[in-house]
Amino acid sequence: MPQLNPGPWFAILVFSWLVFLILIPTKVLNHVTPNELIPVGAEKHKTESWNWPW
């Protein structure tokens, strides 16, 4: 039965895991975020109460 021969399938499994673990993370991590994070100051926002019309 050819399904039980692990020869070619094991090589495909190892190669695909190498692609997933080595190539893809390096390509993803090379991207730079378009907006740099700016720390927000400690000033409070002005909050006003709502005047409901009823």
Protein backbone atom coordinates (compact mmCIF):
# COMPACT_ATOMS: atom_id res chain seq x y z
CA MET A 1 0.00 0.00 0.00
CA PRO A 2 1.66 3.26 -1.09
CA GLN A 3 -0.03 5.33 1.62
CA LEU A 4 2.13 3.68 4.26
CA ASN A 5 5.40 4.62 2.60
CA PRO A 6 6.61 7.60 4.72
CA GLY A 7 9.52 8.47 2.42
CA PRO A 8 8.21 11.30 0.25
CA TRP A 9 5.55 12.48 2.71
CA PHE A 10 7.99 12.91 5.56
CA ALA A 11 10.23 15.08 3.37
CA ILE A 12 7.23 17.19 2.33
CA LEU A 13 6.19 17.55 5.98
CA VAL A 14 9.66 18.64 7.09
CA PHE A 15 10.07 21.07 4.20
CA SER A 16 6.68 22.67 4.79
CA TRP A 17 7.43 23.13 8.50
CA LEU A 18 10.77 24.71 7.63
CA VAL A 19 8.95 27.16 5.37
CA PHE A 20 6.41 27.97 8.08
CA LEU A 21 9.00 28.38 10.83
CA ILE A 22 11.83 30.15 8.98
CA LEU A 23 10.68 31.99 5.86
CA ILE A 24 7.21 33.24 6.75
CA PRO A 25 8.06 34.88 10.14
CA THR A 26 11.00 36.74 8.63
CA LYS A 27 8.80 38.11 5.84
CA VAL A 28 6.09 39.14 8.30
CA LEU A 29 8.49 40.78 10.76
CA ASN A 30 10.15 42.86 8.03
CA HIS A 31 7.04 44.99 7.66
CA VAL A 32 7.11 48.33 9.48
CA THR A 33 4.03 49.73 11.13
CA PRO A 34 2.82 52.75 9.16
CA ASN A 35 2.00 54.85 12.22
CA GLU A 36 4.49 55.10 15.03
CA LEU A 37 2.93 55.03 18.48
CA ILE A 38 3.00 58.33 20.35
CA PRO A 39 2.57 58.26 24.13
CA VAL A 40 -0.55 60.08 25.22
CA GLY A 41 -0.13 62.90 27.72
CA ALA A 42 -1.64 62.79 31.19
CA GLU A 43 -4.15 65.58 30.54
CA LYS A 44 -7.77 64.75 31.24
CA HIS A 45 -10.42 65.02 28.59
CA LYS A 46 -13.26 67.42 29.25
CA THR A 47 -16.47 65.57 29.89
CA GLU A 48 -19.81 67.29 29.89
CA SER A 49 -23.15 65.99 31.05
CA TRP A 50 -25.81 65.41 28.43
CA ASN A 51 -28.89 67.57 28.41
CA TRP A 52 -31.68 65.22 27.40
CA PRO A 53 -34.61 67.05 25.73
CA TRP A 54 -37.42 65.24 27.61
